[in-house]
Amino acid sequence: AAIGRTRERGGGIVAVGTTTLRCLEASAAVHGAPVAGAADTDLFITPGFEFRVVDRLVTNFHLPKSTLLVLVSAFAGIERVRRAYSHAIEQRYRFYSYGDAMLVDTIPG
């Protein structure tokens, strides 16, 4: 309900973390819009996935070859993520769970 009201007012949806993004998108895939409640999912997000709920994502810098990096690449675009990671390496950002974070927008569509 809150997501619908936010959209009606022209607002965007920010997921804090890849798990939150996956939960919202999985619920929307099943119900048409996210609904509250416990559930299981086998949703694996890869490039080409059509995001229906989340507009922005706050996430850390994930390890290479991880499924989380695949999800972020699907969300923000492979080349944009590569540029962000190159910058992070050059600037000596910290990676993984206790490292630096980034705010990314979805691929314009």
PDB file of N, CA and C in Angstrom:
ATOM      1  N   ALA A   1       0.825  -1.196   0.000  1.00  0.00           N
ATOM      2  CA  ALA A   1       0.000   0.000   0.000  1.00  0.00           C
ATOM      3  C   ALA A   1       0.864   1.253   0.000  1.00  0.00           C
ATOM      4  N   ALA A   2       1.917   1.265   0.827  1.00  0.00           N
ATOM      5  CA  ALA A   2       2.788   2.435   0.898  1.00  0.00           C
ATOM      6  C   ALA A   2       3.523   2.654  -0.421  1.00  0.00           C
ATOM      7  N   ILE A   3       3.902   1.575  -1.076  1.00  0.00           N
ATOM      8  CA  ILE A   3       4.588   1.699  -2.361  1.00  0.00           C
ATOM      9  C   ILE A   3       3.647   2.307  -3.393  1.00  0.00           C
ATOM     10  N   GLY A   4       2.406   1.850  -3.411  1.00  0.00           N
ATOM     11  CA  GLY A   4       1.415   2.405  -4.331  1.00  0.00           C
ATOM     12  C   GLY A   4       1.177   3.886  -4.083  1.00  0.00           C
ATOM     13  N   ARG A   5       1.063   4.278  -2.820  1.00  0.00           N
ATOM     14  CA  ARG A   5       0.858   5.698  -2.490  1.00  0.00           C
ATOM     15  C   ARG A   5       2.068   6.533  -2.897  1.00  0.00           C
ATOM     16  N   THR A   6       3.239   5.989  -2.690  1.00  0.00           N
ATOM     17  CA  THR A   6       4.457   6.703  -3.081  1.00  0.00           C
ATOM     18  C   THR A   6       4.482   6.915  -4.585  1.00  0.00           C
ATOM     19  N   ARG A   7       4.145   5.889  -5.334  1.00  0.00           N
ATOM     20  CA  ARG A   7       4.099   5.995  -6.797  1.00  0.00           C
ATOM     21  C   ARG A   7       3.043   7.014  -7.244  1.00  0.00           C
ATOM     22  N   GLU A   8       1.871   7.001  -6.595  1.00  0.00           N
ATOM     23  CA  GLU A   8       0.801   7.945  -6.948  1.00  0.00           C
ATOM     24  C   GLU A   8       1.248   9.387  -6.764  1.00  0.00           C
ATOM     25  N   ARG A   9       2.112   9.625  -5.787  1.00  0.00           N
ATOM     26  CA  ARG A   9       2.613  10.979  -5.535  1.00  0.00           C
ATOM     27  C   ARG A   9       3.821  11.312  -6.405  1.00  0.00           C
ATOM     28  N   GLY A  10       4.225  10.379  -7.258  1.00  0.00           N
ATOM     29  CA  GLY A  10       5.357  10.611  -8.137  1.00  0.00           C
ATOM     30  C   GLY A  10       6.698  10.275  -7.512  1.00  0.00           C
ATOM     31  N   GLY A  11       6.680   9.599  -6.377  1.00  0.00           N
ATOM     32  CA  GLY A  11       7.915   9.244  -5.687  1.00  0.00           C
ATOM     33  C   GLY A  11       8.539   7.981  -6.229  1.00  0.00           C
ATOM     34  N   GLY A  12       9.779   7.780  -5.861  1.00  0.00           N
ATOM     35  CA  GLY A  12      10.511   6.589  -6.266  1.00  0.00           C
ATOM     36  C   GLY A  12      10.698   5.642  -5.096  1.00  0.00           C
ATOM     37  N   ILE A  13      11.033   4.421  -5.404  1.00  0.00           N
ATOM     38  CA  ILE A  13      11.218   3.376  -4.401  1.00  0.00           C
ATOM     39  C   ILE A  13      12.709   3.052  -4.313  1.00  0.00           C
ATOM     40  N   VAL A  14      13.248   3.154  -3.098  1.00  0.00           N
ATOM     41  CA  VAL A  14      14.653   2.862  -2.838  1.00  0.00           C
ATOM     42  C   VAL A  14      14.734   1.589  -2.006  1.00  0.00           C
ATOM     43  N   ALA A  15      15.434   0.597  -2.523  1.00  0.00           N
ATOM     44  CA  ALA A  15      15.676  -0.636  -1.763  1.00  0.00           C
ATOM     45  C   ALA A  15      17.023  -0.498  -1.067  1.00  0.00           C
ATOM     46  N   VAL A  16      17.050  -0.814   0.206  1.00  0.00           N
ATOM     47  CA  VAL A  16      18.305  -0.810   0.952  1.00  0.00           C
ATOM     48  C   VAL A  16      18.765  -2.260   1.040  1.00  0.00           C
ATOM     49  N   GLY A  17      19.652  -2.606   0.124  1.00  0.00           N
ATOM     50  CA  GLY A  17      20.197  -3.955   0.073  1.00  0.00           C
ATOM     51  C   GLY A  17      19.593  -4.803  -1.029  1.00  0.00           C
ATOM     52  N   THR A  18      20.394  -5.744  -1.499  1.00  0.00           N
ATOM     53  CA  THR A  18      19.969  -6.628  -2.580  1.00  0.00           C
ATOM     54  C   THR A  18      18.864  -7.583  -2.143  1.00  0.00           C
ATOM     55  N   THR A  19      18.857  -7.967  -0.873  1.00  0.00           N
ATOM     56  CA  THR A  19      17.794  -8.856  -0.392  1.00  0.00           C
ATOM     57  C   THR A  19      16.450  -8.149  -0.439  1.00  0.00           C
ATOM     58  N   THR A  20      16.424  -6.888  -0.033  1.00  0.00           N
ATOM     59  CA  THR A  20      15.185  -6.106  -0.089  1.00  0.00           C
ATOM     60  C   THR A  20      14.699  -5.976  -1.523  1.00  0.00           C
ATOM     61  N   LEU A  21      15.611  -5.658  -2.435  1.00  0.00           N
ATOM     62  CA  LEU A  21      15.240  -5.537  -3.846  1.00  0.00           C
ATOM     63  C   LEU A  21      14.644  -6.847  -4.348  1.00  0.00           C
ATOM     64  N   ARG A  22      15.293  -7.937  -4.061  1.00  0.00           N
ATOM     65  CA  ARG A  22      14.829  -9.249  -4.538  1.00  0.00           C
ATOM     66  C   ARG A  22      13.465  -9.590  -3.956  1.00  0.00           C
ATOM     67  N   CYS A  23      13.246  -9.303  -2.674  1.00  0.00           N
ATOM     68  CA  CYS A  23      11.942  -9.578  -2.051  1.00  0.00           C
ATOM     69  C   CYS A  23      10.830  -8.765  -2.703  1.00  0.00           C
ATOM     70  N   LEU A  24      11.070  -7.477  -2.904  1.00  0.00           N
ATOM     71  CA  LEU A  24      10.047  -6.621  -3.511  1.00  0.00           C
ATOM     72  C   LEU A  24       9.725  -7.067  -4.932  1.00  0.00           C
ATOM     73  N   GLU A  25      10.751  -7.344  -5.715  1.00  0.00           N
ATOM     74  CA  GLU A  25      10.529  -7.750  -7.103  1.00  0.00           C
ATOM     75  C   GLU A  25       9.888  -9.133  -7.187  1.00  0.00           C
ATOM     76  N   ALA A  26      10.265 -10.041  -6.304  1.00  0.00           N
ATOM     77  CA  ALA A  26       9.664 -11.382  -6.309  1.00  0.00           C
ATOM     78  C   ALA A  26       8.186 -11.309  -5.947  1.00  0.00           C
ATOM     79  N   SER A  27       7.852 -10.505  -4.953  1.00  0.00           N
ATOM     80  CA  SER A  27       6.452 -10.363  -4.556  1.00  0.00           C
ATOM     81  C   SER A  27       5.630  -9.746  -5.682  1.00  0.00           C
ATOM     82  N   ALA A  28       6.187  -8.733  -6.337  1.00  0.00           N
ATOM     83  CA  ALA A  28       5.476  -8.100  -7.452  1.00  0.00           C
ATOM     84  C   ALA A  28       5.287  -9.066  -8.612  1.00  0.00           C
ATOM     85  N   ALA A  29       6.253  -9.940  -8.836  1.00  0.00           N
ATOM     86  CA  ALA A  29       6.135 -10.917  -9.926  1.00  0.00           C
ATOM     87  C   ALA A  29       4.988 -11.886  -9.681  1.00  0.00           C
ATOM     88  N   VAL A  30       4.735 -12.205  -8.425  1.00  0.00           N
ATOM     89  CA  VAL A  30       3.674 -13.155  -8.078  1.00  0.00           C
ATOM     90  C   VAL A  30       2.320 -12.468  -7.956  1.00  0.00           C
ATOM     91  N   HIS A  31       2.288 -11.290  -7.320  1.00  0.00           N
ATOM     92  CA  HIS A  31       1.020 -10.650  -6.955  1.00  0.00           C
ATOM     93  C   HIS A  31       0.673  -9.414  -7.788  1.00  0.00           C
ATOM     94  N   GLY A  32       1.559  -8.986  -8.665  1.00  0.00           N
ATOM     95  CA  GLY A  32       1.315  -7.778  -9.443  1.00  0.00           C
ATOM     96  C   GLY A  32       1.864  -6.538  -8.774  1.00  0.00           C
ATOM     97  N   ALA A  33       1.987  -6.568  -7.470  1.00  0.00           N
ATOM     98  CA  ALA A  33       2.572  -5.503  -6.655  1.00  0.00           C
ATOM     99  C   ALA A  33       3.056  -6.166  -5.372  1.00  0.00           C
ATOM    100  N   PRO A  34       4.040  -5.581  -4.711  1.00  0.00           N
ATOM    101  CA  PRO A  34       4.520  -6.199  -3.476  1.00  0.00           C
ATOM    102  C   PRO A  34       3.427  -6.265  -2.411  1.00  0.00           C
ATOM    103  N   VAL A  35       3.383  -7.381  -1.707  1.00  0.00           N
ATOM    104  CA  VAL A  35       2.461  -7.546  -0.582  1.00  0.00           C
ATOM    105  C   VAL A  35       3.271  -7.983   0.634  1.00  0.00           C
ATOM    106  N   ALA A  36       2.795  -7.587   1.801  1.00  0.00           N
ATOM    107  CA  ALA A  36       3.467  -7.948   3.048  1.00  0.00           C
ATOM    108  C   ALA A  36       3.224  -9.415   3.370  1.00  0.00           C
ATOM    109  N   GLY A  37       4.191 -10.023   4.023  1.00  0.00           N
ATOM    110  CA  GLY A  37       4.020 -11.393   4.469  1.00  0.00           C
ATOM    111  C   GLY A  37       5.235 -12.245   4.186  1.00  0.00           C
ATOM    112  N   ALA A  38       5.266 -13.384   4.815  1.00  0.00           N
ATOM    113  CA  ALA A  38       6.365 -14.332   4.621  1.00  0.00           C
ATOM    114  C   ALA A  38       6.173 -15.082   3.309  1.00  0.00           C
ATOM    115  N   ALA A  39       7.286 -15.361   2.656  1.00  0.00           N
ATOM    116  CA  ALA A  39       7.223 -16.089   1.384  1.00  0.00           C
ATOM    117  C   ALA A  39       8.597 -16.641   1.046  1.00  0.00           C
ATOM    118  N   ASP A  40       8.611 -17.554   0.127  1.00  0.00           N
ATOM    119  CA  ASP A  40       9.848 -18.089  -0.435  1.00  0.00           C
ATOM    120  C   ASP A  40       9.897 -17.690  -1.900  1.00  0.00           C
ATOM    121  N   THR A  41      11.109 -17.617  -2.427  1.00  0.00           N
ATOM    122  CA  THR A  41      11.249 -17.329  -3.851  1.00  0.00           C
ATOM    123  C   THR A  41      12.483 -18.034  -4.397  1.00  0.00           C
ATOM    124  N   ASP A  42      12.432 -18.317  -5.670  1.00  0.00           N
ATOM    125  CA  ASP A  42      13.617 -18.823  -6.354  1.00  0.00           C
ATOM    126  C   ASP A  42      14.047 -17.834  -7.441  1.00  0.00           C
ATOM    127  N   LEU A  43      13.602 -16.588  -7.307  1.00  0.00           N
ATOM    128  CA  LEU A  43      13.919 -15.561  -8.291  1.00  0.00           C
ATOM    129  C   LEU A  43      15.423 -15.310  -8.338  1.00  0.00           C
ATOM    130  N   PHE A  44      15.993 -15.453  -9.516  1.00  0.00           N
ATOM    131  CA  PHE A  44      17.410 -15.178  -9.752  1.00  0.00           C
ATOM    132  C   PHE A  44      17.462 -14.052 -10.769  1.00  0.00           C
ATOM    133  N   ILE A  45      17.924 -12.886 -10.355  1.00  0.00           N
ATOM    134  CA  ILE A  45      17.900 -11.697 -11.201  1.00  0.00           C
ATOM    135  C   ILE A  45      19.206 -11.590 -11.978  1.00  0.00           C
ATOM    136  N   THR A  46      19.073 -11.556 -13.296  1.00  0.00           N
ATOM    137  CA  THR A  46      20.213 -11.440 -14.199  1.00  0.00           C
ATOM    138  C   THR A  46      19.939 -10.313 -15.194  1.00  0.00           C
ATOM    139  N   PRO A  47      20.969  -9.846 -15.919  1.00  0.00           N
ATOM    140  CA  PRO A  47      20.731  -8.812 -16.925  1.00  0.00           C
ATOM    141  C   PRO A  47      19.595  -9.213 -17.869  1.00  0.00           C
ATOM    142  N   GLY A  48      18.734  -8.250 -18.137  1.00  0.00           N
ATOM    143  CA  GLY A  48      17.548  -8.487 -18.947  1.00  0.00           C
ATOM    144  C   GLY A  48      16.280  -8.556 -18.116  1.00  0.00           C
ATOM    145  N   PHE A  49      16.428  -8.700 -16.797  1.00  0.00           N
ATOM    146  CA  PHE A  49      15.268  -8.738 -15.911  1.00  0.00           C
ATOM    147  C   PHE A  49      14.555  -7.390 -15.964  1.00  0.00           C
ATOM    148  N   GLU A  50      13.227  -7.418 -15.991  1.00  0.00           N
ATOM    149  CA  GLU A  50      12.439  -6.183 -16.017  1.00  0.00           C
ATOM    150  C   GLU A  50      12.029  -5.817 -14.592  1.00  0.00           C
ATOM    151  N   PHE A  51      12.649  -4.776 -14.057  1.00  0.00           N
ATOM    152  CA  PHE A  51      12.339  -4.318 -12.702  1.00  0.00           C
ATOM    153  C   PHE A  51      11.017  -3.568 -12.711  1.00  0.00           C
ATOM    154  N   ARG A  52      10.142  -3.934 -11.779  1.00  0.00           N
ATOM    155  CA  ARG A  52       8.798  -3.363 -11.736  1.00  0.00           C
ATOM    156  C   ARG A  52       8.577  -2.469 -10.531  1.00  0.00           C
ATOM    157  N   VAL A  53       9.419  -2.579  -9.521  1.00  0.00           N
ATOM    158  CA  VAL A  53       9.158  -1.897  -8.255  1.00  0.00           C
ATOM    159  C   VAL A  53      10.247  -0.892  -7.902  1.00  0.00           C
ATOM    160  N   VAL A  54      11.471  -1.330  -7.871  1.00  0.00           N
ATOM    161  CA  VAL A  54      12.570  -0.546  -7.305  1.00  0.00           C
ATOM    162  C   VAL A  54      13.187   0.381  -8.351  1.00  0.00           C
ATOM    163  N   ASP A  55      13.425   1.643  -7.933  1.00  0.00           N
ATOM    164  CA  ASP A  55      14.038   2.648  -8.797  1.00  0.00           C
ATOM    165  C   ASP A  55      15.499   2.903  -8.459  1.00  0.00           C
ATOM    166  N   ARG A  56      15.830   2.744  -7.182  1.00  0.00           N
ATOM    167  CA  ARG A  56      17.197   2.970  -6.713  1.00  0.00           C
ATOM    168  C   ARG A  56      17.563   1.888  -5.716  1.00  0.00           C
ATOM    169  N   LEU A  57      18.862   1.640  -5.628  1.00  0.00           N
ATOM    170  CA  LEU A  57      19.368   0.590  -4.749  1.00  0.00           C
ATOM    171  C   LEU A  57      20.575   1.104  -3.981  1.00  0.00           C
ATOM    172  N   VAL A  58      20.540   0.943  -2.658  1.00  0.00           N
ATOM    173  CA  VAL A  58      21.714   1.179  -1.820  1.00  0.00           C
ATOM    174  C   VAL A  58      22.324  -0.191  -1.555  1.00  0.00           C
ATOM    175  N   THR A  59      23.576  -0.350  -1.922  1.00  0.00           N
ATOM    176  CA  THR A  59      24.235  -1.644  -1.750  1.00  0.00           C
ATOM    177  C   THR A  59      25.729  -1.438  -1.599  1.00  0.00           C
ATOM    178  N   ASN A  60      26.390  -2.442  -1.073  1.00  0.00           N
ATOM    179  CA  ASN A  60      27.842  -2.353  -0.954  1.00  0.00           C
ATOM    180  C   ASN A  60      28.490  -2.836  -2.250  1.00  0.00           C
ATOM    181  N   PHE A  61      29.797  -2.796  -2.279  1.00  0.00           N
ATOM    182  CA  PHE A  61      30.543  -3.295  -3.429  1.00  0.00           C
ATOM    183  C   PHE A  61      30.764  -4.789  -3.227  1.00  0.00           C
ATOM    184  N   HIS A  62      30.151  -5.579  -4.085  1.00  0.00           N
ATOM    185  CA  HIS A  62      30.155  -7.035  -3.936  1.00  0.00           C
ATOM    186  C   HIS A  62      31.401  -7.658  -4.549  1.00  0.00           C
ATOM    187  N   LEU A  63      31.661  -8.874  -4.140  1.00  0.00           N
ATOM    188  CA  LEU A  63      32.838  -9.585  -4.626  1.00  0.00           C
ATOM    189  C   LEU A  63      32.668  -9.994  -6.089  1.00  0.00           C
ATOM    190  N   PRO A  64      33.785 -10.061  -6.823  1.00  0.00           N
ATOM    191  CA  PRO A  64      33.713 -10.489  -8.225  1.00  0.00           C
ATOM    192  C   PRO A  64      33.095 -11.880  -8.352  1.00  0.00           C
ATOM    193  N   LYS A  65      32.417 -12.094  -9.453  1.00  0.00           N
ATOM    194  CA  LYS A  65      31.816 -13.388  -9.795  1.00  0.00           C
ATOM    195  C   LYS A  65      30.729 -13.832  -8.821  1.00  0.00           C
ATOM    196  N   SER A  66      30.174 -12.896  -8.050  1.00  0.00           N
ATOM    197  CA  SER A  66      29.108 -13.257  -7.110  1.00  0.00           C
ATOM    198  C   SER A  66      27.739 -13.034  -7.744  1.00  0.00           C
ATOM    199  N   THR A  67      26.751 -13.752  -7.263  1.00  0.00           N
ATOM    200  CA  THR A  67      25.385 -13.560  -7.761  1.00  0.00           C
ATOM    201  C   THR A  67      24.872 -12.169  -7.413  1.00  0.00           C
ATOM    202  N   LEU A  68      25.366 -11.590  -6.327  1.00  0.00           N
ATOM    203  CA  LEU A  68      24.941 -10.238  -5.954  1.00  0.00           C
ATOM    204  C   LEU A  68      25.460  -9.212  -6.951  1.00  0.00           C
ATOM    205  N   LEU A  69      26.665  -9.407  -7.442  1.00  0.00           N
ATOM    206  CA  LEU A  69      27.198  -8.515  -8.468  1.00  0.00           C
ATOM    207  C   LEU A  69      26.403  -8.661  -9.764  1.00  0.00           C
ATOM    208  N   VAL A  70      25.951  -9.858 -10.069  1.00  0.00           N
ATOM    209  CA  VAL A  70      25.095 -10.076 -11.241  1.00  0.00           C
ATOM    210  C   VAL A  70      23.794  -9.299 -11.077  1.00  0.00           C
ATOM    211  N   LEU A  71      23.191  -9.352  -9.885  1.00  0.00           N
ATOM    212  CA  LEU A  71      21.949  -8.623  -9.622  1.00  0.00           C
ATOM    213  C   LEU A  71      22.162  -7.120  -9.797  1.00  0.00           C
ATOM    214  N   VAL A  72      23.224  -6.575  -9.211  1.00  0.00           N
ATOM    215  CA  VAL A  72      23.504  -5.140  -9.330  1.00  0.00           C
ATOM    216  C   VAL A  72      23.738  -4.769 -10.793  1.00  0.00           C
ATOM    217  N   SER A  73      24.420  -5.619 -11.540  1.00  0.00           N
ATOM    218  CA  SER A  73      24.647  -5.369 -12.966  1.00  0.00           C
ATOM    219  C   SER A  73      23.344  -5.394 -13.751  1.00  0.00           C
ATOM    220  N   ALA A  74      22.439  -6.277 -13.381  1.00  0.00           N
ATOM    221  CA  ALA A  74      21.120  -6.312 -14.022  1.00  0.00           C
ATOM    222  C   ALA A  74      20.357  -5.032 -13.730  1.00  0.00           C
ATOM    223  N   PHE A  75      20.493  -4.530 -12.526  1.00  0.00           N
ATOM    224  CA  PHE A  75      19.758  -3.338 -12.100  1.00  0.00           C
ATOM    225  C   PHE A  75      20.322  -2.062 -12.729  1.00  0.00           C
ATOM    226  N   ALA A  76      21.625  -1.893 -12.671  1.00  0.00           N
ATOM    227  CA  ALA A  76      22.236  -0.627 -13.075  1.00  0.00           C
ATOM    228  C   ALA A  76      22.859  -0.656 -14.460  1.00  0.00           C
ATOM    229  N   GLY A  77      23.060  -1.826 -15.015  1.00  0.00           N
ATOM    230  CA  GLY A  77      23.715  -1.945 -16.312  1.00  0.00           C
ATOM    231  C   GLY A  77      25.160  -2.378 -16.142  1.00  0.00           C
ATOM    232  N   ILE A  78      25.577  -3.310 -16.955  1.00  0.00           N
ATOM    233  CA  ILE A  78      26.908  -3.898 -16.818  1.00  0.00           C
ATOM    234  C   ILE A  78      28.004  -2.845 -16.954  1.00  0.00           C
ATOM    235  N   GLU A  79      27.921  -1.997 -17.958  1.00  0.00           N
ATOM    236  CA  GLU A  79      28.981  -0.999 -18.173  1.00  0.00           C
ATOM    237  C   GLU A  79      29.019   0.033 -17.054  1.00  0.00           C
ATOM    238  N   ARG A  80      27.865   0.467 -16.573  1.00  0.00           N
ATOM    239  CA  ARG A  80      27.838   1.422 -15.455  1.00  0.00           C
ATOM    240  C   ARG A  80      28.465   0.807 -14.213  1.00  0.00           C
ATOM    241  N   VAL A  81      28.183  -0.448 -13.959  1.00  0.00           N
ATOM    242  CA  VAL A  81      28.755  -1.120 -12.790  1.00  0.00           C
ATOM    243  C   VAL A  81      30.261  -1.285 -12.972  1.00  0.00           C
ATOM    244  N   ARG A  82      30.692  -1.632 -14.156  1.00  0.00           N
ATOM    245  CA  ARG A  82      32.142  -1.749 -14.406  1.00  0.00           C
ATOM    246  C   ARG A  82      32.851  -0.425 -14.135  1.00  0.00           C
ATOM    247  N   ARG A  83      32.259   0.674 -14.593  1.00  0.00           N
ATOM    248  CA  ARG A  83      32.868   1.990 -14.346  1.00  0.00           C
ATOM    249  C   ARG A  83      32.898   2.305 -12.855  1.00  0.00           C
ATOM    250  N   ALA A  84      31.823   2.002 -12.161  1.00  0.00           N
ATOM    251  CA  ALA A  84      31.772   2.254 -10.713  1.00  0.00           C
ATOM    252  C   ALA A  84      32.820   1.425  -9.979  1.00  0.00           C
ATOM    253  N   TYR A  85      32.969   0.179 -10.370  1.00  0.00           N
ATOM    254  CA  TYR A  85      33.949  -0.694  -9.719  1.00  0.00           C
ATOM    255  C   TYR A  85      35.376  -0.269 -10.052  1.00  0.00           C
ATOM    256  N   SER A  86      35.625   0.180 -11.265  1.00  0.00           N
ATOM    257  CA  SER A  86      36.955   0.694 -11.617  1.00  0.00           C
ATOM    258  C   SER A  86      37.300   1.896 -10.749  1.00  0.00           C
ATOM    259  N   HIS A  87      36.340   2.797 -10.593  1.00  0.00           N
ATOM    260  CA  HIS A  87      36.536   3.966  -9.730  1.00  0.00           C
ATOM    261  C   HIS A  87      36.795   3.526  -8.287  1.00  0.00           C
ATOM    262  N   ALA A  88      36.013   2.573  -7.814  1.00  0.00           N
ATOM    263  CA  ALA A  88      36.161   2.090  -6.436  1.00  0.00           C
ATOM    264  C   ALA A  88      37.542   1.483  -6.207  1.00  0.00           C
ATOM    265  N   ILE A  89      38.033   0.742  -7.179  1.00  0.00           N
ATOM    266  CA  ILE A  89      39.366   0.135  -7.052  1.00  0.00           C
ATOM    267  C   ILE A  89      40.443   1.220  -7.064  1.00  0.00           C
ATOM    268  N   GLU A  90      40.310   2.171  -7.998  1.00  0.00           N
ATOM    269  CA  GLU A  90      41.286   3.268  -8.079  1.00  0.00           C
ATOM    270  C   GLU A  90      41.336   4.071  -6.782  1.00  0.00           C
ATOM    271  N   GLN A  91      40.179   4.292  -6.183  1.00  0.00           N
ATOM    272  CA  GLN A  91      40.094   5.104  -4.966  1.00  0.00           C
ATOM    273  C   GLN A  91      40.257   4.279  -3.686  1.00  0.00           C
ATOM    274  N   ARG A  92      40.497   2.993  -3.851  1.00  0.00           N
ATOM    275  CA  ARG A  92      40.737   2.084  -2.732  1.00  0.00           C
ATOM    276  C   ARG A  92      39.532   1.971  -1.787  1.00  0.00           C
ATOM    277  N   TYR A  93      38.338   1.912  -2.377  1.00  0.00           N
ATOM    278  CA  TYR A  93      37.136   1.668  -1.577  1.00  0.00           C
ATOM    279  C   TYR A  93      37.223   0.267  -0.991  1.00  0.00           C
ATOM    280  N   ARG A  94      36.467   0.062   0.047  1.00  0.00           N
ATOM    281  CA  ARG A  94      36.418  -1.261   0.665  1.00  0.00           C
ATOM    282  C   ARG A  94      35.245  -2.040   0.091  1.00  0.00           C
ATOM    283  N   PHE A  95      35.468  -3.304  -0.118  1.00  0.00           N
ATOM    284  CA  PHE A  95      34.454  -4.170  -0.715  1.00  0.00           C
ATOM    285  C   PHE A  95      33.856  -5.096   0.332  1.00  0.00           C
ATOM    286  N   TYR A  96      32.745  -5.669  -0.013  1.00  0.00           N
ATOM    287  CA  TYR A  96      32.019  -6.706   0.709  1.00  0.00           C
ATOM    288  C   TYR A  96      31.221  -6.128   1.878  1.00  0.00           C
ATOM    289  N   SER A  97      30.821  -6.946   2.785  1.00  0.00           N
ATOM    290  CA  SER A  97      29.791  -6.610   3.772  1.00  0.00           C
ATOM    291  C   SER A  97      30.115  -5.419   4.662  1.00  0.00           C
ATOM    292  N   TYR A  98      31.354  -5.202   5.007  1.00  0.00           N
ATOM    293  CA  TYR A  98      31.692  -4.096   5.900  1.00  0.00           C
ATOM    294  C   TYR A  98      32.449  -3.001   5.167  1.00  0.00           C
ATOM    295  N   GLY A  99      32.206  -2.914   3.887  1.00  0.00           N
ATOM    296  CA  GLY A  99      32.909  -1.935   3.073  1.00  0.00           C
ATOM    297  C   GLY A  99      32.067  -0.718   2.758  1.00  0.00           C
ATOM    298  N   ASP A 100      32.464  -0.032   1.714  1.00  0.00           N
ATOM    299  CA  ASP A 100      31.763   1.160   1.264  1.00  0.00           C
ATOM    300  C   ASP A 100      30.482   0.777   0.532  1.00  0.00           C
ATOM    301  N   ALA A 101      29.587   1.736   0.431  1.00  0.00           N
ATOM    302  CA  ALA A 101      28.298   1.503  -0.227  1.00  0.00           C
ATOM    303  C   ALA A 101      28.136   2.466  -1.393  1.00  0.00           C
ATOM    304  N   MET A 102      27.157   2.173  -2.229  1.00  0.00           N
ATOM    305  CA  MET A 102      26.841   3.047  -3.355  1.00  0.00           C
ATOM    306  C   MET A 102      25.329   3.118  -3.525  1.00  0.00           C
ATOM    307  N   LEU A 103      24.886   4.210  -4.109  1.00  0.00           N
ATOM    308  CA  LEU A 103      23.482   4.395  -4.478  1.00  0.00           C
ATOM    309  C   LEU A 103      23.430   4.342  -5.992  1.00  0.00           C
ATOM    310  N   VAL A 104      22.669   3.401  -6.527  1.00  0.00           N
ATOM    311  CA  VAL A 104      22.593   3.245  -7.978  1.00  0.00           C
ATOM    312  C   VAL A 104      21.145   3.344  -8.452  1.00  0.00           C
ATOM    313  N   ASP A 105      21.002   3.922  -9.630  1.00  0.00           N
ATOM    314  CA  ASP A 105      19.697   4.007 -10.286  1.00  0.00           C
ATOM    315  C   ASP A 105      19.553   2.829 -11.231  1.00  0.00           C
ATOM    316  N   THR A 106      18.317   2.454 -11.483  1.00  0.00           N
ATOM    317  CA  THR A 106      18.066   1.410 -12.460  1.00  0.00           C
ATOM    318  C   THR A 106      18.359   1.930 -13.865  1.00  0.00           C
ATOM    319  N   ILE A 107      18.511   1.028 -14.785  1.00  0.00           N
ATOM    320  CA  ILE A 107      18.734   1.388 -16.182  1.00  0.00           C
ATOM    321  C   ILE A 107      17.503   2.142 -16.672  1.00  0.00           C
ATOM    322  N   PRO A 108      17.685   3.326 -17.255  1.00  0.00           N
ATOM    323  CA  PRO A 108      16.512   4.042 -17.770  1.00  0.00           C
ATOM    324  C   PRO A 108      15.768   3.185 -18.784  1.00  0.00           C
ATOM    325  N   GLY A 109      14.450   3.179 -18.663  1.00  0.00           N
ATOM    326  CA  GLY A 109      13.756   2.293 -19.558  1.00  0.00           C
ATOM    327  C   GLY A 109      12.541   2.853 -20.126  1.00  0.00           C
TER     328      GLY A 109
END
